[in-house]
């Protein structure tokens, strides 16, 4: 009788295995990149390039695996490693995980972000256009807004490790007014009015330093706003300094409630086509009654309905865009033939989609003048990018 040996599924081969590895790089989400002795790539949080130690496999997906740090090898700890000041910092199911780089000194965080941007732009042959990153003036107490979740019994963030509610008593990156709001909301626990419906795990509490704690309502979403006020001021100044003198007509995509639209108005741009799809943001923009601004309601993620955007781009001299992480997906469909745009000023919160969109503009004959990285969110791998492009007439 022939006997067959049961094969161990590949996914199970590495689970709970402890192995030695060196951290070679950082992934886009901030985790360390390791190589298993078998050659398989693993990702682990809480480690930095150059460090080495023992890691435990926690699972895998496709051709990559996931691991957690067991212990660093003697003498292989990064010299800028530090104790995270937040009681909720960590990478387990009960920790929030929202500031995964708190274990590293701020200088090291900035250097890692600078390296990543330069490497990405090098693929386009534009590494020399990357300027030194602008640090955040505050590395704690800088967040002017936040989104919490509640089940009526607790308030916290969604844990990055487990997608469960991680209770938070104090968050060091929140501004002082927002700290007060958090404590005021926590004082209302338990709260039956905040309990979710049976099919929902939790409900949302959006807070903003401009809104009193008594005005915060469950599941009342706030329009988009830059989360670091000091860096937003610097971003607006950057834009104002680069608008070409005499610009009369501009198109602003993903205008939101008018954060950058105000800068265009102050610069004397006579006609601004401001494009947005979120009703609350458009209403807030209209309420500002900005001279020369024509709000256009349009879904910039859909190829249909872009005719109004294409018409505006046909005669505009300046394009300003500040897309979400997905970038400007409909760029090819919206870009008209014989477009008159000669200057592009772009704000981006995702490096991968930024370089994709940048490639499009380079293909249209634009020249990259500069890329200015900006640290909007210290202790996270997030990078804000400002780009200036021009085309000769």
Foldseek 3Di string as FASTA:
>chain_A
DDDDDDDDPPFPPQAFDKAKWAFAAADLFGWTWTAGPVRQIETEFDAHHQWIAIWTWHTDDPRHTYIYGPDTDPPRHDPFFADQPFPQADQDQQHAPPQRQSRGDQVVLQVNLLVVLLVLVVVVVCSVQEDRAAEAPDQWQFFQKDKWWAQLAAIAHQHPNHRAGHGDLADGRHHPLVRVLSNVVRVCPNGPVFHDDPVDRTWMWIDGSVDHSVPIDINPDDWDDQGGVVVLVVVLVVVLVPDDQPFAAEEEEQCFLNSNVVSCLVSPHQAYEYEEADPVRVVNNVVVVRHRYDYDHDDQQDLPPLPVLLVSQQPGQEYEYEDAAQARNNVVSNHDPNGNHFKYKYKYFHSVNVVVVVVVVVVVAKDWNHKHWYCSHHSTSIIMIITIIGHDD
